[in-house]
PDB file of all heavy atoms in Angstrom:
ATOM      1  N   LEU A   1      43.415 -49.892 -74.485  1.00  0.00           N
ATOM      2  CA  LEU A   1      43.384 -50.571 -73.191  1.00  0.00           C
ATOM      3  C   LEU A   1      42.391 -51.732 -73.227  1.00  0.00           C
ATOM      4  O   LEU A   1      41.112 -51.446 -73.455  1.00  0.00           O
ATOM      5  CB  LEU A   1      43.115 -49.529 -72.087  1.00  0.00           C
ATOM      6  CG  LEU A   1      42.997 -50.096 -70.662  1.00  0.00           C
ATOM      7  CD1 LEU A   1      44.384 -50.501 -70.199  1.00  0.00           C
ATOM      8  CD2 LEU A   1      42.480 -48.958 -69.785  1.00  0.00           C
ATOM      9  N   ILE A   2      42.769 -52.892 -72.878  1.00  0.00           N
ATOM     10  CA  ILE A   2      41.908 -54.046 -72.819  1.00  0.00           C
ATOM     11  C   ILE A   2      41.745 -54.437 -71.359  1.00  0.00           C
ATOM     12  O   ILE A   2      42.703 -54.775 -70.706  1.00  0.00           O
ATOM     13  CB  ILE A   2      42.413 -55.287 -73.608  1.00  0.00           C
ATOM     14  CG1 ILE A   2      42.841 -54.817 -74.961  1.00  0.00           C
ATOM     15  CG2 ILE A   2      41.447 -56.429 -73.647  1.00  0.00           C
ATOM     16  CD1 ILE A   2      41.735 -54.347 -75.871  1.00  0.00           C
ATOM     17  N   ILE A   3      40.510 -54.427 -70.845  1.00  0.00           N
ATOM     18  CA  ILE A   3      40.183 -54.699 -69.527  1.00  0.00           C
ATOM     19  C   ILE A   3      39.345 -55.966 -69.491  1.00  0.00           C
ATOM     20  O   ILE A   3      38.064 -55.886 -69.555  1.00  0.00           O
ATOM     21  CB  ILE A   3      39.435 -53.512 -68.805  1.00  0.00           C
ATOM     22  CG1 ILE A   3      40.310 -52.273 -68.998  1.00  0.00           C
ATOM     23  CG2 ILE A   3      39.278 -53.823 -67.296  1.00  0.00           C
ATOM     24  CD1 ILE A   3      39.739 -51.045 -68.417  1.00  0.00           C
ATOM     25  N   PRO A   4      39.952 -57.045 -69.167  1.00  0.00           N
ATOM     26  CA  PRO A   4      39.014 -58.243 -69.009  1.00  0.00           C
ATOM     27  C   PRO A   4      38.273 -58.325 -67.707  1.00  0.00           C
ATOM     28  O   PRO A   4      38.861 -57.840 -66.724  1.00  0.00           O
ATOM     29  CB  PRO A   4      40.043 -59.499 -69.047  1.00  0.00           C
ATOM     30  CG  PRO A   4      41.390 -58.901 -68.572  1.00  0.00           C
ATOM     31  CD  PRO A   4      41.298 -57.428 -68.916  1.00  0.00           C
ATOM     32  N   ALA A   5      37.077 -58.793 -67.752  1.00  0.00           N
ATOM     33  CA  ALA A   5      36.213 -58.700 -66.640  1.00  0.00           C
ATOM     34  C   ALA A   5      36.403 -60.032 -65.709  1.00  0.00           C
ATOM     35  O   ALA A   5      35.652 -60.987 -65.756  1.00  0.00           O
ATOM     36  CB  ALA A   5      34.674 -58.655 -67.010  1.00  0.00           C
ATOM     37  N   ILE A   6      37.644 -60.072 -65.143  1.00  0.00           N
ATOM     38  CA  ILE A   6      38.003 -61.130 -64.331  1.00  0.00           C
ATOM     39  C   ILE A   6      38.243 -60.714 -62.827  1.00  0.00           C
ATOM     40  O   ILE A   6      38.726 -59.605 -62.598  1.00  0.00           O
ATOM     41  CB  ILE A   6      39.185 -61.877 -64.799  1.00  0.00           C
ATOM     42  CG1 ILE A   6      40.420 -60.941 -64.990  1.00  0.00           C
ATOM     43  CG2 ILE A   6      38.809 -62.571 -66.117  1.00  0.00           C
ATOM     44  CD1 ILE A   6      41.667 -61.693 -65.332  1.00  0.00           C
ATOM     45  N   SER A   7      37.847 -61.566 -61.830  1.00  0.00           N
ATOM     46  CA  SER A   7      37.932 -61.236 -60.536  1.00  0.00           C
ATOM     47  C   SER A   7      39.106 -61.987 -59.876  1.00  0.00           C
ATOM     48  O   SER A   7      39.580 -61.718 -58.761  1.00  0.00           O
ATOM     49  CB  SER A   7      36.728 -61.481 -59.673  1.00  0.00           C
ATOM     50  OG  SER A   7      36.328 -62.897 -59.832  1.00  0.00           O
ATOM     51  N   LYS A   8      39.635 -62.896 -60.598  1.00  0.00           N
ATOM     52  CA  LYS A   8      40.858 -63.601 -60.165  1.00  0.00           C
ATOM     53  C   LYS A   8      41.703 -64.003 -61.382  1.00  0.00           C
ATOM     54  O   LYS A   8      41.249 -63.971 -62.517  1.00  0.00           O
ATOM     55  CB  LYS A   8      40.302 -64.941 -59.450  1.00  0.00           C
ATOM     56  CG  LYS A   8      39.465 -65.866 -60.193  1.00  0.00           C
ATOM     57  CD  LYS A   8      39.172 -67.094 -59.341  1.00  0.00           C
ATOM     58  CE  LYS A   8      38.221 -68.025 -60.062  1.00  0.00           C
ATOM     59  NZ  LYS A   8      37.889 -69.248 -59.417  1.00  0.00           N
ATOM     60  N   MET A   9      42.900 -64.421 -61.152  1.00  0.00           N
ATOM     61  CA  MET A   9      43.844 -64.760 -62.087  1.00  0.00           C
ATOM     62  C   MET A   9      43.528 -66.112 -62.773  1.00  0.00           C
ATOM     63  O   MET A   9      44.087 -67.129 -62.411  1.00  0.00           O
ATOM     64  CB  MET A   9      45.263 -64.707 -61.478  1.00  0.00           C
ATOM     65  CG  MET A   9      45.721 -63.366 -60.938  1.00  0.00           C
ATOM     66  SD  MET A   9      45.748 -62.143 -62.250  1.00  0.00           S
ATOM     67  CE  MET A   9      44.240 -61.185 -61.908  1.00  0.00           C
ATOM     68  N   ASP A  10      42.565 -66.059 -63.652  1.00  0.00           N
ATOM     69  CA  ASP A  10      42.202 -67.274 -64.499  1.00  0.00           C
ATOM     70  C   ASP A  10      43.144 -67.427 -65.684  1.00  0.00           C
ATOM     71  O   ASP A  10      43.107 -66.525 -66.622  1.00  0.00           O
ATOM     72  CB  ASP A  10      40.745 -67.159 -64.806  1.00  0.00           C
ATOM     73  CG  ASP A  10      40.359 -68.433 -65.543  1.00  0.00           C
ATOM     74  OD1 ASP A  10      40.746 -68.924 -66.477  1.00  0.00           O
ATOM     75  OD2 ASP A  10      39.298 -69.056 -64.929  1.00  0.00           O
ATOM     76  N   VAL A  11      43.947 -68.287 -65.735  1.00  0.00           N
ATOM     77  CA  VAL A  11      44.948 -68.483 -66.860  1.00  0.00           C
ATOM     78  C   VAL A  11      44.250 -68.715 -68.154  1.00  0.00           C
ATOM     79  O   VAL A  11      44.722 -68.028 -69.224  1.00  0.00           O
ATOM     80  CB  VAL A  11      45.908 -69.745 -66.552  1.00  0.00           C
ATOM     81  CG1 VAL A  11      46.788 -69.946 -67.790  1.00  0.00           C
ATOM     82  CG2 VAL A  11      46.715 -69.372 -65.369  1.00  0.00           C
ATOM     83  N   ASN A  12      43.229 -69.420 -68.201  1.00  0.00           N
ATOM     84  CA  ASN A  12      42.459 -69.613 -69.466  1.00  0.00           C
ATOM     85  C   ASN A  12      41.909 -68.232 -70.087  1.00  0.00           C
ATOM     86  O   ASN A  12      41.926 -67.991 -71.246  1.00  0.00           O
ATOM     87  CB  ASN A  12      41.480 -70.666 -69.331  1.00  0.00           C
ATOM     88  CG  ASN A  12      41.983 -72.019 -69.118  1.00  0.00           C
ATOM     89  OD1 ASN A  12      42.916 -72.457 -69.768  1.00  0.00           O
ATOM     90  ND2 ASN A  12      41.204 -72.877 -68.285  1.00  0.00           N
ATOM     91  N   ILE A  13      41.210 -67.524 -69.146  1.00  0.00           N
ATOM     92  CA  ILE A  13      40.681 -66.175 -69.610  1.00  0.00           C
ATOM     93  C   ILE A  13      41.712 -65.242 -70.055  1.00  0.00           C
ATOM     94  O   ILE A  13      41.642 -64.605 -71.166  1.00  0.00           O
ATOM     95  CB  ILE A  13      39.812 -65.684 -68.504  1.00  0.00           C
ATOM     96  CG1 ILE A  13      38.594 -66.486 -68.092  1.00  0.00           C
ATOM     97  CG2 ILE A  13      39.363 -64.206 -68.874  1.00  0.00           C
ATOM     98  CD1 ILE A  13      37.810 -65.943 -66.985  1.00  0.00           C
ATOM     99  N   ILE A  14      42.962 -65.180 -69.228  1.00  0.00           N
ATOM    100  CA  ILE A  14      43.831 -64.324 -69.657  1.00  0.00           C
ATOM    101  C   ILE A  14      44.558 -64.699 -70.972  1.00  0.00           C
ATOM    102  O   ILE A  14      44.845 -63.890 -71.795  1.00  0.00           O
ATOM    103  CB  ILE A  14      44.933 -64.262 -68.519  1.00  0.00           C
ATOM    104  CG1 ILE A  14      44.469 -63.631 -67.367  1.00  0.00           C
ATOM    105  CG2 ILE A  14      46.133 -63.534 -68.982  1.00  0.00           C
ATOM    106  CD1 ILE A  14      45.298 -63.706 -66.115  1.00  0.00           C
ATOM    107  N   GLY A  15      44.657 -66.013 -71.084  1.00  0.00           N
ATOM    108  CA  GLY A  15      45.270 -66.566 -72.325  1.00  0.00           C
ATOM    109  C   GLY A  15      44.401 -66.224 -73.615  1.00  0.00           C
ATOM    110  O   GLY A  15      44.907 -65.796 -74.592  1.00  0.00           O
ATOM    111  N   ASN A  16      43.097 -66.245 -73.451  1.00  0.00           N
ATOM    112  CA  ASN A  16      42.134 -65.992 -74.494  1.00  0.00           C
ATOM    113  C   ASN A  16      42.236 -64.466 -74.879  1.00  0.00           C
ATOM    114  O   ASN A  16      42.171 -64.140 -75.975  1.00  0.00           O
ATOM    115  CB  ASN A  16      40.593 -66.373 -74.099  1.00  0.00           C
ATOM    116  CG  ASN A  16      40.461 -67.875 -74.079  1.00  0.00           C
ATOM    117  OD1 ASN A  16      41.277 -68.573 -74.834  1.00  0.00           O
ATOM    118  ND2 ASN A  16      39.559 -68.319 -73.328  1.00  0.00           N
ATOM    119  N   GLU A  17      42.213 -63.609 -73.766  1.00  0.00           N
ATOM    120  CA  GLU A  17      42.338 -62.202 -73.978  1.00  0.00           C
ATOM    121  C   GLU A  17      43.562 -61.856 -74.809  1.00  0.00           C
ATOM    122  O   GLU A  17      43.621 -60.961 -75.655  1.00  0.00           O
ATOM    123  CB  GLU A  17      42.284 -61.480 -72.759  1.00  0.00           C
ATOM    124  CG  GLU A  17      40.986 -61.540 -71.987  1.00  0.00           C
ATOM    125  CD  GLU A  17      39.817 -60.775 -72.607  1.00  0.00           C
ATOM    126  OE1 GLU A  17      40.072 -59.980 -73.416  1.00  0.00           O
ATOM    127  OE2 GLU A  17      38.650 -61.033 -72.331  1.00  0.00           O
ATOM    128  N   LEU A  18      44.705 -62.467 -74.328  1.00  0.00           N
ATOM    129  CA  LEU A  18      45.947 -62.160 -74.989  1.00  0.00           C
ATOM    130  C   LEU A  18      45.998 -62.548 -76.536  1.00  0.00           C
ATOM    131  O   LEU A  18      46.342 -61.675 -77.429  1.00  0.00           O
ATOM    132  CB  LEU A  18      47.042 -62.979 -74.378  1.00  0.00           C
ATOM    133  CG  LEU A  18      47.582 -62.428 -72.932  1.00  0.00           C
ATOM    134  CD1 LEU A  18      48.359 -63.604 -72.333  1.00  0.00           C
ATOM    135  CD2 LEU A  18      48.500 -61.217 -73.163  1.00  0.00           C
ATOM    136  N   GLU A  19      45.453 -63.589 -76.833  1.00  0.00           N
ATOM    137  CA  GLU A  19      45.386 -64.162 -78.157  1.00  0.00           C
ATOM    138  C   GLU A  19      44.334 -63.500 -79.009  1.00  0.00           C
ATOM    139  O   GLU A  19      44.655 -63.094 -80.146  1.00  0.00           O
ATOM    140  CB  GLU A  19      45.119 -65.634 -78.151  1.00  0.00           C
ATOM    141  CG  GLU A  19      45.286 -66.401 -79.472  1.00  0.00           C
ATOM    142  CD  GLU A  19      45.385 -67.807 -79.368  1.00  0.00           C
ATOM    143  OE1 GLU A  19      45.087 -68.411 -78.308  1.00  0.00           O
ATOM    144  OE2 GLU A  19      45.839 -68.510 -80.414  1.00  0.00           O
ATOM    145  N   ASN A  20      43.221 -63.287 -78.490  1.00  0.00           N
ATOM    146  CA  ASN A  20      42.114 -62.671 -79.206  1.00  0.00           C
ATOM    147  C   ASN A  20      42.232 -61.102 -79.602  1.00  0.00           C
ATOM    148  O   ASN A  20      41.786 -60.658 -80.609  1.00  0.00           O
ATOM    149  CB  ASN A  20      40.814 -62.778 -78.544  1.00  0.00           C
ATOM    150  CG  ASN A  20      40.321 -64.200 -78.461  1.00  0.00           C
ATOM    151  OD1 ASN A  20      40.728 -65.157 -79.154  1.00  0.00           O
ATOM    152  ND2 ASN A  20      39.448 -64.617 -77.437  1.00  0.00           N
ATOM    153  N   ASN A  21      43.134 -60.507 -78.774  1.00  0.00           N
ATOM    154  CA  ASN A  21      43.235 -59.080 -78.858  1.00  0.00           C
ATOM    155  C   ASN A  21      44.679 -58.762 -79.408  1.00  0.00           C
ATOM    156  O   ASN A  21      44.992 -57.476 -79.577  1.00  0.00           O
ATOM    157  CB  ASN A  21      42.976 -58.391 -77.609  1.00  0.00           C
ATOM    158  CG  ASN A  21      41.483 -58.425 -77.124  1.00  0.00           C
ATOM    159  OD1 ASN A  21      40.628 -57.770 -77.750  1.00  0.00           O
ATOM    160  ND2 ASN A  21      41.244 -59.289 -76.133  1.00  0.00           N
ATOM    161  N   ASN A  22      45.513 -59.630 -79.744  1.00  0.00           N
ATOM    162  CA  ASN A  22      46.818 -59.403 -80.282  1.00  0.00           C
ATOM    163  C   ASN A  22      47.508 -58.377 -79.240  1.00  0.00           C
ATOM    164  O   ASN A  22      48.128 -57.427 -79.720  1.00  0.00           O
ATOM    165  CB  ASN A  22      46.896 -58.944 -81.624  1.00  0.00           C
ATOM    166  CG  ASN A  22      46.361 -59.972 -82.559  1.00  0.00           C
ATOM    167  OD1 ASN A  22      46.746 -61.143 -82.526  1.00  0.00           O
ATOM    168  ND2 ASN A  22      45.423 -59.502 -83.528  1.00  0.00           N
ATOM    169  N   ILE A  23      47.684 -58.742 -78.030  1.00  0.00           N
ATOM    170  CA  ILE A  23      48.250 -57.879 -76.991  1.00  0.00           C
ATOM    171  C   ILE A  23      49.710 -57.699 -77.197  1.00  0.00           C
ATOM    172  O   ILE A  23      50.409 -58.677 -77.509  1.00  0.00           O
ATOM    173  CB  ILE A  23      47.983 -58.485 -75.553  1.00  0.00           C
ATOM    174  CG1 ILE A  23      46.459 -58.578 -75.276  1.00  0.00           C
ATOM    175  CG2 ILE A  23      48.642 -57.554 -74.415  1.00  0.00           C
ATOM    176  CD1 ILE A  23      45.727 -57.231 -75.282  1.00  0.00           C
ATOM    177  N   THR A  24      50.129 -56.437 -77.121  1.00  0.00           N
ATOM    178  CA  THR A  24      51.561 -56.224 -77.285  1.00  0.00           C
ATOM    179  C   THR A  24      52.325 -55.975 -76.005  1.00  0.00           C
ATOM    180  O   THR A  24      53.614 -55.968 -75.942  1.00  0.00           O
ATOM    181  CB  THR A  24      51.676 -54.871 -78.236  1.00  0.00           C
ATOM    182  OG1 THR A  24      51.192 -53.708 -77.490  1.00  0.00           O
ATOM    183  CG2 THR A  24      51.142 -55.074 -79.549  1.00  0.00           C
ATOM    184  N   HIS A  25      51.616 -55.810 -74.913  1.00  0.00           N
ATOM    185  CA  HIS A  25      52.279 -55.521 -73.631  1.00  0.00           C
ATOM    186  C   HIS A  25      51.183 -55.923 -72.489  1.00  0.00           C
ATOM    187  O   HIS A  25      50.085 -55.581 -72.537  1.00  0.00           O
ATOM    188  CB  HIS A  25      52.767 -54.117 -73.420  1.00  0.00           C
ATOM    189  CG  HIS A  25      53.266 -53.898 -72.038  1.00  0.00           C
ATOM    190  ND1 HIS A  25      52.466 -53.355 -71.088  1.00  0.00           N
ATOM    191  CD2 HIS A  25      54.537 -54.171 -71.573  1.00  0.00           C
ATOM    192  CE1 HIS A  25      53.215 -53.388 -69.968  1.00  0.00           C
ATOM    193  NE2 HIS A  25      54.437 -53.622 -70.177  1.00  0.00           N
ATOM    194  N   PHE A  26      51.774 -56.493 -71.432  1.00  0.00           N
ATOM    195  CA  PHE A  26      51.004 -56.518 -70.232  1.00  0.00           C
ATOM    196  C   PHE A  26      51.988 -56.706 -69.024  1.00  0.00           C
ATOM    197  O   PHE A  26      53.190 -57.079 -69.106  1.00  0.00           O
ATOM    198  CB  PHE A  26      49.859 -57.588 -70.216  1.00  0.00           C
ATOM    199  CG  PHE A  26      50.406 -59.087 -70.024  1.00  0.00           C
ATOM    200  CD1 PHE A  26      49.947 -59.810 -68.998  1.00  0.00           C
ATOM    201  CD2 PHE A  26      51.261 -59.608 -71.050  1.00  0.00           C
ATOM    202  CE1 PHE A  26      50.399 -61.134 -68.828  1.00  0.00           C
ATOM    203  CE2 PHE A  26      51.709 -60.949 -70.888  1.00  0.00           C
ATOM    204  CZ  PHE A  26      51.265 -61.672 -69.859  1.00  0.00           C
ATOM    205  N   LEU A  27      51.463 -56.339 -67.892  1.00  0.00           N
ATOM    206  CA  LEU A  27      52.260 -56.364 -66.677  1.00  0.00           C
ATOM    207  C   LEU A  27      51.765 -57.624 -65.855  1.00  0.00           C
ATOM    208  O   LEU A  27      50.416 -57.827 -65.710  1.00  0.00           O
ATOM    209  CB  LEU A  27      52.178 -55.111 -65.856  1.00  0.00           C
ATOM    210  CG  LEU A  27      52.868 -55.004 -64.496  1.00  0.00           C
ATOM    211  CD1 LEU A  27      53.188 -53.482 -64.212  1.00  0.00           C
ATOM    212  CD2 LEU A  27      52.088 -55.527 -63.232  1.00  0.00           C
ATOM    213  N   VAL A  28      52.644 -58.357 -65.328  1.00  0.00           N
ATOM    214  CA  VAL A  28      52.147 -59.595 -64.753  1.00  0.00           C
ATOM    215  C   VAL A  28      53.210 -59.998 -63.702  1.00  0.00           C
ATOM    216  O   VAL A  28      54.335 -59.706 -63.746  1.00  0.00           O
ATOM    217  CB  VAL A  28      52.101 -60.795 -65.839  1.00  0.00           C
ATOM    218  CG1 VAL A  28      53.463 -61.018 -66.507  1.00  0.00           C
ATOM    219  CG2 VAL A  28      51.533 -62.058 -65.204  1.00  0.00           C
ATOM    220  N   VAL A  29      52.737 -60.752 -62.612  1.00  0.00           N
ATOM    221  CA  VAL A  29      53.624 -61.284 -61.608  1.00  0.00           C
ATOM    222  C   VAL A  29      54.453 -62.450 -62.132  1.00  0.00           C
ATOM    223  O   VAL A  29      53.856 -63.218 -62.994  1.00  0.00           O
ATOM    224  CB  VAL A  29      52.855 -61.632 -60.276  1.00  0.00           C
ATOM    225  CG1 VAL A  29      52.258 -60.461 -59.602  1.00  0.00           C
ATOM    226  CG2 VAL A  29      51.745 -62.697 -60.592  1.00  0.00           C
ATOM    227  N   PRO A  30      55.754 -62.622 -61.855  1.00  0.00           N
ATOM    228  CA  PRO A  30      56.391 -63.821 -62.405  1.00  0.00           C
ATOM    229  C   PRO A  30      55.878 -65.142 -62.232  1.00  0.00           C
ATOM    230  O   PRO A  30      55.927 -66.014 -63.193  1.00  0.00           O
ATOM    231  CB  PRO A  30      57.752 -63.704 -61.540  1.00  0.00           C
ATOM    232  CG  PRO A  30      57.856 -62.168 -61.241  1.00  0.00           C
ATOM    233  CD  PRO A  30      56.441 -61.817 -60.834  1.00  0.00           C
ATOM    234  N   SER A  31      55.126 -65.393 -61.118  1.00  0.00           N
ATOM    235  CA  SER A  31      54.521 -66.716 -61.009  1.00  0.00           C
ATOM    236  C   SER A  31      53.483 -67.060 -62.030  1.00  0.00           C
ATOM    237  O   SER A  31      53.371 -68.162 -62.534  1.00  0.00           O
ATOM    238  CB  SER A  31      53.991 -66.915 -59.550  1.00  0.00           C
ATOM    239  OG  SER A  31      53.118 -65.874 -59.311  1.00  0.00           O
ATOM    240  N   LEU A  32      52.571 -65.912 -62.320  1.00  0.00           N
ATOM    241  CA  LEU A  32      51.543 -66.145 -63.293  1.00  0.00           C
ATOM    242  C   LEU A  32      52.227 -66.205 -64.727  1.00  0.00           C
ATOM    243  O   LEU A  32      51.776 -66.951 -65.612  1.00  0.00           O
ATOM    244  CB  LEU A  32      50.603 -64.987 -63.305  1.00  0.00           C
ATOM    245  CG  LEU A  32      49.529 -65.019 -64.312  1.00  0.00           C
ATOM    246  CD1 LEU A  32      48.679 -66.329 -64.225  1.00  0.00           C
ATOM    247  CD2 LEU A  32      48.657 -63.851 -64.096  1.00  0.00           C
ATOM    248  N   TYR A  33      53.265 -65.470 -64.970  1.00  0.00           N
ATOM    249  CA  TYR A  33      53.932 -65.462 -66.258  1.00  0.00           C
ATOM    250  C   TYR A  33      54.516 -66.872 -66.515  1.00  0.00           C
ATOM    251  O   TYR A  33      54.465 -67.334 -67.662  1.00  0.00           O
ATOM    252  CB  TYR A  33      55.008 -64.366 -66.309  1.00  0.00           C
ATOM    253  CG  TYR A  33      55.653 -64.216 -67.699  1.00  0.00           C
ATOM    254  CD1 TYR A  33      54.869 -64.234 -68.903  1.00  0.00           C
ATOM    255  CD2 TYR A  33      56.994 -64.258 -67.850  1.00  0.00           C
ATOM    256  CE1 TYR A  33      55.308 -64.147 -70.143  1.00  0.00           C
ATOM    257  CE2 TYR A  33      57.520 -64.160 -69.144  1.00  0.00           C
ATOM    258  CZ  TYR A  33      56.678 -64.015 -70.218  1.00  0.00           C
ATOM    259  OH  TYR A  33      57.349 -64.057 -71.490  1.00  0.00           O
ATOM    260  N   LYS A  34      55.126 -67.498 -65.492  1.00  0.00           N
ATOM    261  CA  LYS A  34      55.640 -68.874 -65.692  1.00  0.00           C
ATOM    262  C   LYS A  34      54.600 -69.825 -66.183  1.00  0.00           C
ATOM    263  O   LYS A  34      54.881 -70.629 -67.119  1.00  0.00           O
ATOM    264  CB  LYS A  34      56.218 -69.282 -64.356  1.00  0.00           C
ATOM    265  CG  LYS A  34      57.034 -70.565 -64.352  1.00  0.00           C
ATOM    266  CD  LYS A  34      57.612 -71.025 -63.056  1.00  0.00           C
ATOM    267  CE  LYS A  34      58.482 -72.230 -63.170  1.00  0.00           C
ATOM    268  NZ  LYS A  34      59.570 -72.105 -64.129  1.00  0.00           N
ATOM    269  N   VAL A  35      53.351 -69.718 -65.501  1.00  0.00           N
ATOM    270  CA  VAL A  35      52.350 -70.636 -65.955  1.00  0.00           C
ATOM    271  C   VAL A  35      51.898 -70.286 -67.503  1.00  0.00           C
ATOM    272  O   VAL A  35      51.599 -71.188 -68.267  1.00  0.00           O
ATOM    273  CB  VAL A  35      51.114 -70.432 -65.064  1.00  0.00           C
ATOM    274  CG1 VAL A  35      49.916 -71.339 -65.473  1.00  0.00           C
ATOM    275  CG2 VAL A  35      51.437 -70.842 -63.660  1.00  0.00           C
ATOM    276  N   LEU A  36      51.782 -69.043 -67.794  1.00  0.00           N
ATOM    277  CA  LEU A  36      51.377 -68.605 -69.128  1.00  0.00           C
ATOM    278  C   LEU A  36      52.393 -69.230 -70.163  1.00  0.00           C
ATOM    279  O   LEU A  36      52.073 -69.628 -71.299  1.00  0.00           O
ATOM    280  CB  LEU A  36      51.313 -67.143 -69.297  1.00  0.00           C
ATOM    281  CG  LEU A  36      50.060 -66.563 -68.541  1.00  0.00           C
ATOM    282  CD1 LEU A  36      50.171 -65.009 -68.503  1.00  0.00           C
ATOM    283  CD2 LEU A  36      48.801 -66.897 -69.202  1.00  0.00           C
TER     284      LEU A  36
END
C-alpha cells in the first residue's frame, strides 16, 4: 500500500508516485484519470 501525503489532487505528485513506485492499480475519478 502506497499512501502519498497529499491533501489535494495534485497531478504532478500523483504522477511521480505512480512512476516511482511502479503502481499496478489505483482507484481514481474519471476526470482526474483523463488528465493523467
